[in-house]
Each structure stands twice: as C-alpha cells, then as structure tokens.
Amino acid sequence: MFDPTTLVGIHTIVSLISLALGLGVVAELLGAHAGKIVTGLFLATALFTSVTGFLFPINGPTPALIVGVIALVVLALVFAAQAKGWRKTYAAGLVISAYFLAFVTVAQSFAKIPTLKAMPPSAFAAAEGVLLVVFIGIGFLATRAYGRGPAADAVAA
C-alpha cells in the first residue's frame, strides 16, 4: 500500500476526503442549497489536493500538471463567484472541482489497480467518458437548481 505519513499518502487521503465532500456538496446543490461547513471543507481540501500535486517530482508538463492548473483556475473562479454572489458560476465551479477529483481518481485507479491496469485503453476512455457525461448532466441540474435559489445562501458567506 502506501505510507499515510508521506506526501503521497497525505495527498491521496486528502484527495479521497475531498472527493467524498465534493459529492456531498454536489448533492446539496441539486437541492438548491450549499451548506457552509461542508462546502468550506470541500474547498479547503480541494485546494490542498491541487497545491500538493505540484510538490511531486516534476519532469516537464504532464497531464496531471495540466489538470492541476485547470483545477486551481476553477477554484479561483469558485472563490470569486462566492465573493460576488454569482450563484450559477459558483455551483458550476463546485461541480467541475468535484469532477476533476473524480477524473483523477479514475485515472489513478486504472494506473495502480492491477485488474484495471490490465484492461485495454478503451476501457479507461469509456470510464472517463461516462464520468464526464454524468458530471455534465449533474452540473446542468445543480447549476439550474442552485442558480435559482436565494442570494443570501452560502454564496454570500
């Protein structure tokens, strides 16, 4: 397995916690709500995950670094939307942030789990494709539901 006291271990544990929190936040968004505590914990852990990804040995641009940069840009937009009360942008950014965590979890699963690693590349592509379609659908619904809610909700916090 891995040592949970190393950078890899801490990064992995926080990433999985962040993914779980993100899925909870997305579920809340579907109900036109975003709880301050869970959303705050999600944003903190997502930011931690993205930042610590840059602490690993880097040998030039990699897909992981590109995803990390995009994830940080999305998080910056989420924080700006939160400050400005832009509900739809806030909701969309939260869903996109959760998607990136799920995307990386699937990618790492196919890279590290022997059964998945042995599968053809088309299986990985199919899994990521299904994940993308699901998150686009959820993102549409969550943005629509949360975007109509009262401006005084967690966005203004």
C-alpha atoms as a PDB file:
ATOM      1  CA  MET A   1       0.000   0.000   0.000  1.00  0.00           C
ATOM      2  CA  PHE A   2       1.351   3.449   0.840  1.00  0.00           C
ATOM      3  CA  ASP A   3       2.630   5.158   3.937  1.00  0.00           C
ATOM      4  CA  PRO A   4      -0.010   7.687   5.067  1.00  0.00           C
ATOM      5  CA  THR A   5       2.721   9.856   6.582  1.00  0.00           C
ATOM      6  CA  THR A   6       4.412  10.566   3.232  1.00  0.00           C
ATOM      7  CA  LEU A   7       3.427  13.279   0.774  1.00  0.00           C
ATOM      8  CA  VAL A   8       1.857  10.644  -1.487  1.00  0.00           C
ATOM      9  CA  GLY A   9      -0.110   9.187   1.413  1.00  0.00           C
ATOM     10  CA  ILE A  10      -1.331  12.521   2.741  1.00  0.00           C
ATOM     11  CA  HIS A  11      -2.161  13.763  -0.763  1.00  0.00           C
ATOM     12  CA  THR A  12      -4.113  10.564  -1.507  1.00  0.00           C
ATOM     13  CA  ILE A  13      -6.052  10.580   1.765  1.00  0.00           C
ATOM     14  CA  VAL A  14      -6.964  14.266   1.467  1.00  0.00           C
ATOM     15  CA  SER A  15      -7.922  13.750  -2.200  1.00  0.00           C
ATOM     16  CA  LEU A  16     -10.337  10.954  -1.280  1.00  0.00           C
ATOM     17  CA  ILE A  17     -11.809  13.004   1.567  1.00  0.00           C
ATOM     18  CA  SER A  18     -12.179  15.935  -0.810  1.00  0.00           C
ATOM     19  CA  LEU A  19     -13.914  13.748  -3.389  1.00  0.00           C
ATOM     20  CA  ALA A  20     -16.386  12.496  -0.773  1.00  0.00           C
ATOM     21  CA  LEU A  21     -17.041  16.050   0.435  1.00  0.00           C
ATOM     22  CA  GLY A  22     -17.404  17.236  -3.165  1.00  0.00           C
ATOM     23  CA  LEU A  23     -20.017  14.600  -3.919  1.00  0.00           C
ATOM     24  CA  GLY A  24     -21.891  15.729  -0.800  1.00  0.00           C
ATOM     25  CA  VAL A  25     -21.725  19.362  -1.918  1.00  0.00           C
ATOM     26  CA  VAL A  26     -22.963  18.427  -5.389  1.00  0.00           C
ATOM     27  CA  ALA A  27     -25.898  16.555  -3.810  1.00  0.00           C
ATOM     28  CA  GLU A  28     -26.712  19.681  -1.782  1.00  0.00           C
ATOM     29  CA  LEU A  29     -26.546  21.839  -4.900  1.00  0.00           C
ATOM     30  CA  LEU A  30     -29.139  19.607  -6.548  1.00  0.00           C
ATOM     31  CA  GLY A  31     -31.431  20.593  -3.678  1.00  0.00           C
ATOM     32  CA  ALA A  32     -30.673  24.300  -4.292  1.00  0.00           C
ATOM     33  CA  HIS A  33     -28.532  24.542  -1.156  1.00  0.00           C
ATOM     34  CA  ALA A  34     -24.816  24.613  -0.340  1.00  0.00           C
ATOM     35  CA  GLY A  35     -24.022  24.154   3.337  1.00  0.00           C
ATOM     36  CA  LYS A  36     -21.296  26.478   4.560  1.00  0.00           C
ATOM     37  CA  ILE A  37     -19.357  23.922   6.605  1.00  0.00           C
ATOM     38  CA  VAL A  38     -19.300  21.048   4.105  1.00  0.00           C
ATOM     39  CA  THR A  39     -18.651  23.401   1.201  1.00  0.00           C
ATOM     40  CA  GLY A  40     -15.863  25.147   3.100  1.00  0.00           C
ATOM     41  CA  LEU A  41     -14.235  21.816   3.962  1.00  0.00           C
ATOM     42  CA  PHE A  42     -14.568  20.708   0.343  1.00  0.00           C
ATOM     43  CA  LEU A  43     -12.957  23.885  -0.973  1.00  0.00           C
ATOM     44  CA  ALA A  44     -10.121  23.675   1.563  1.00  0.00           C
ATOM     45  CA  THR A  45      -9.366  20.025   0.796  1.00  0.00           C
ATOM     46  CA  ALA A  46      -9.692  20.533  -2.975  1.00  0.00           C
ATOM     47  CA  LEU A  47      -7.256  23.443  -2.782  1.00  0.00           C
ATOM     48  CA  PHE A  48      -4.863  21.389  -0.632  1.00  0.00           C
ATOM     49  CA  THR A  49      -5.049  18.496  -3.097  1.00  0.00           C
ATOM     50  CA  SER A  50      -4.378  20.706  -6.102  1.00  0.00           C
ATOM     51  CA  VAL A  51      -1.481  22.544  -4.468  1.00  0.00           C
ATOM     52  CA  THR A  52       0.222  19.425  -3.086  1.00  0.00           C
ATOM     53  CA  GLY A  53       0.074  17.848  -6.541  1.00  0.00           C
ATOM     54  CA  PHE A  54       2.767  20.331  -7.573  1.00  0.00           C
ATOM     55  CA  LEU A  55       5.107  19.149  -4.814  1.00  0.00           C
ATOM     56  CA  PHE A  56       5.814  15.823  -6.517  1.00  0.00           C
ATOM     57  CA  PRO A  57       8.932  15.488  -8.697  1.00  0.00           C
ATOM     58  CA  ILE A  58       8.187  17.225 -11.992  1.00  0.00           C
ATOM     59  CA  ASN A  59       9.926  16.440 -15.270  1.00  0.00           C
ATOM     60  CA  GLY A  60       8.159  18.803 -17.609  1.00  0.00           C
ATOM     61  CA  PRO A  61       4.469  19.198 -18.402  1.00  0.00           C
ATOM     62  CA  THR A  62       2.308  16.178 -17.654  1.00  0.00           C
ATOM     63  CA  PRO A  63      -1.436  15.540 -17.867  1.00  0.00           C
ATOM     64  CA  ALA A  64      -1.536  15.655 -14.054  1.00  0.00           C
ATOM     65  CA  LEU A  65       0.033  19.126 -14.001  1.00  0.00           C
ATOM     66  CA  ILE A  66      -2.365  20.388 -16.650  1.00  0.00           C
ATOM     67  CA  VAL A  67      -5.345  19.099 -14.652  1.00  0.00           C
ATOM     68  CA  GLY A  68      -3.840  20.690 -11.527  1.00  0.00           C
ATOM     69  CA  VAL A  69      -3.505  24.098 -13.181  1.00  0.00           C
ATOM     70  CA  ILE A  70      -7.046  23.953 -14.552  1.00  0.00           C
ATOM     71  CA  ALA A  71      -8.359  22.818 -11.151  1.00  0.00           C
ATOM     72  CA  LEU A  72      -6.693  25.805  -9.470  1.00  0.00           C
ATOM     73  CA  VAL A  73      -8.174  28.195 -12.044  1.00  0.00           C
ATOM     74  CA  VAL A  74     -11.623  26.699 -11.431  1.00  0.00           C
ATOM     75  CA  LEU A  75     -11.156  27.034  -7.668  1.00  0.00           C
ATOM     76  CA  ALA A  76     -10.144  30.679  -8.116  1.00  0.00           C
ATOM     77  CA  LEU A  77     -13.374  31.236 -10.077  1.00  0.00           C
ATOM     78  CA  VAL A  78     -15.362  29.487  -7.341  1.00  0.00           C
ATOM     79  CA  PHE A  79     -13.879  31.781  -4.688  1.00  0.00           C
ATOM     80  CA  ALA A  80     -14.583  34.844  -6.859  1.00  0.00           C
ATOM     81  CA  ALA A  81     -18.147  33.670  -7.528  1.00  0.00           C
ATOM     82  CA  GLN A  82     -18.650  33.057  -3.815  1.00  0.00           C
ATOM     83  CA  ALA A  83     -17.499  36.596  -3.000  1.00  0.00           C
ATOM     84  CA  LYS A  84     -19.614  38.189  -5.741  1.00  0.00           C
ATOM     85  CA  GLY A  85     -22.757  36.086  -5.216  1.00  0.00           C
ATOM     86  CA  TRP A  86     -22.648  34.588  -8.711  1.00  0.00           C
ATOM     87  CA  ARG A  87     -24.746  31.525  -7.867  1.00  0.00           C
ATOM     88  CA  LYS A  88     -24.617  29.740 -11.224  1.00  0.00           C
ATOM     89  CA  THR A  89     -20.859  30.211 -11.616  1.00  0.00           C
ATOM     90  CA  TYR A  90     -20.365  29.105  -8.011  1.00  0.00           C
ATOM     91  CA  ALA A  91     -22.453  25.954  -8.489  1.00  0.00           C
ATOM     92  CA  ALA A  92     -20.832  25.097 -11.823  1.00  0.00           C
ATOM     93  CA  GLY A  93     -17.359  25.580 -10.357  1.00  0.00           C
ATOM     94  CA  LEU A  94     -18.103  23.337  -7.389  1.00  0.00           C
ATOM     95  CA  VAL A  95     -19.342  20.583  -9.709  1.00  0.00           C
ATOM     96  CA  ILE A  96     -16.325  20.978 -12.007  1.00  0.00           C
ATOM     97  CA  SER A  97     -13.992  20.794  -8.991  1.00  0.00           C
ATOM     98  CA  ALA A  98     -15.660  17.566  -7.844  1.00  0.00           C
ATOM     99  CA  TYR A  99     -15.421  16.230 -11.408  1.00  0.00           C
ATOM    100  CA  PHE A 100     -11.657  16.819 -11.538  1.00  0.00           C
ATOM    101  CA  LEU A 101     -11.229  14.861  -8.303  1.00  0.00           C
ATOM    102  CA  ALA A 102     -13.334  12.011  -9.707  1.00  0.00           C
ATOM    103  CA  PHE A 103     -11.459  12.156 -13.026  1.00  0.00           C
ATOM    104  CA  VAL A 104      -8.089  11.818 -11.294  1.00  0.00           C
ATOM    105  CA  THR A 105      -9.416   9.039  -9.038  1.00  0.00           C
ATOM    106  CA  VAL A 106     -10.461   7.023 -12.101  1.00  0.00           C
ATOM    107  CA  ALA A 107      -7.132   7.720 -13.823  1.00  0.00           C
ATOM    108  CA  GLN A 108      -5.140   6.695 -10.747  1.00  0.00           C
ATOM    109  CA  SER A 109      -7.292   3.587 -10.310  1.00  0.00           C
ATOM    110  CA  PHE A 110      -6.523   2.475 -13.867  1.00  0.00           C
ATOM    111  CA  ALA A 111      -2.829   3.224 -13.298  1.00  0.00           C
ATOM    112  CA  LYS A 112      -2.463   1.495  -9.916  1.00  0.00           C
ATOM    113  CA  ILE A 113      -5.044  -1.303  -9.569  1.00  0.00           C
ATOM    114  CA  PRO A 114      -3.703  -4.400 -11.366  1.00  0.00           C
ATOM    115  CA  THR A 115      -7.083  -5.571 -12.709  1.00  0.00           C
ATOM    116  CA  LEU A 116      -7.859  -2.161 -14.176  1.00  0.00           C
ATOM    117  CA  LYS A 117      -4.287  -1.643 -15.354  1.00  0.00           C
ATOM    118  CA  ALA A 118      -4.553  -4.857 -17.398  1.00  0.00           C
ATOM    119  CA  MET A 119      -7.600  -3.573 -19.259  1.00  0.00           C
ATOM    120  CA  PRO A 120      -7.287  -2.058 -22.727  1.00  0.00           C
ATOM    121  CA  PRO A 121      -7.024   1.727 -23.052  1.00  0.00           C
ATOM    122  CA  SER A 122     -10.553   1.786 -24.454  1.00  0.00           C
ATOM    123  CA  ALA A 123     -11.883   0.715 -21.035  1.00  0.00           C
ATOM    124  CA  PHE A 124     -10.175   3.702 -19.417  1.00  0.00           C
ATOM    125  CA  ALA A 125     -11.517   6.022 -22.114  1.00  0.00           C
ATOM    126  CA  ALA A 126     -15.020   4.608 -21.702  1.00  0.00           C
ATOM    127  CA  ALA A 127     -14.915   5.018 -17.920  1.00  0.00           C
ATOM    128  CA  GLU A 128     -13.741   8.615 -18.195  1.00  0.00           C
ATOM    129  CA  GLY A 129     -16.303   9.303 -20.927  1.00  0.00           C
ATOM    130  CA  VAL A 130     -19.170   8.000 -18.808  1.00  0.00           C
ATOM    131  CA  LEU A 131     -17.897  10.014 -15.847  1.00  0.00           C
ATOM    132  CA  LEU A 132     -17.805  13.172 -17.962  1.00  0.00           C
ATOM    133  CA  VAL A 133     -21.344  12.662 -19.282  1.00  0.00           C
ATOM    134  CA  VAL A 134     -22.663  12.014 -15.774  1.00  0.00           C
ATOM    135  CA  PHE A 135     -20.990  15.131 -14.389  1.00  0.00           C
ATOM    136  CA  ILE A 136     -22.214  17.287 -17.283  1.00  0.00           C
ATOM    137  CA  GLY A 137     -25.756  16.161 -16.527  1.00  0.00           C
ATOM    138  CA  ILE A 138     -25.355  16.682 -12.797  1.00  0.00           C
ATOM    139  CA  GLY A 139     -23.686  20.038 -13.414  1.00  0.00           C
ATOM    140  CA  PHE A 140     -26.573  21.211 -15.566  1.00  0.00           C
ATOM    141  CA  LEU A 141     -29.124  20.175 -12.945  1.00  0.00           C
ATOM    142  CA  ALA A 142     -27.140  21.535  -9.996  1.00  0.00           C
ATOM    143  CA  THR A 143     -26.440  24.867 -11.668  1.00  0.00           C
ATOM    144  CA  ARG A 144     -30.062  25.204 -12.635  1.00  0.00           C
ATOM    145  CA  ALA A 145     -31.353  24.314  -9.151  1.00  0.00           C
ATOM    146  CA  TYR A 146     -28.841  26.333  -7.162  1.00  0.00           C
ATOM    147  CA  GLY A 147     -28.824  29.250  -9.596  1.00  0.00           C
ATOM    148  CA  ARG A 148     -32.484  29.954  -8.813  1.00  0.00           C
ATOM    149  CA  GLY A 149     -32.076  29.974  -5.037  1.00  0.00           C
ATOM    150  CA  PRO A 150     -31.988  32.989  -2.721  1.00  0.00           C
ATOM    151  CA  ALA A 151     -28.920  35.199  -2.992  1.00  0.00           C
ATOM    152  CA  ALA A 152     -28.468  35.081   0.787  1.00  0.00           C
ATOM    153  CA  ASP A 153     -27.478  31.386   0.811  1.00  0.00           C
ATOM    154  CA  ALA A 154     -23.911  30.118   1.402  1.00  0.00           C
ATOM    155  CA  VAL A 155     -22.573  32.098  -1.574  1.00  0.00           C
ATOM    156  CA  ALA A 156     -22.621  35.288   0.448  1.00  0.00           C
ATOM    157  CA  ALA A 157     -20.738  33.659   3.328  1.00  0.00           C
END
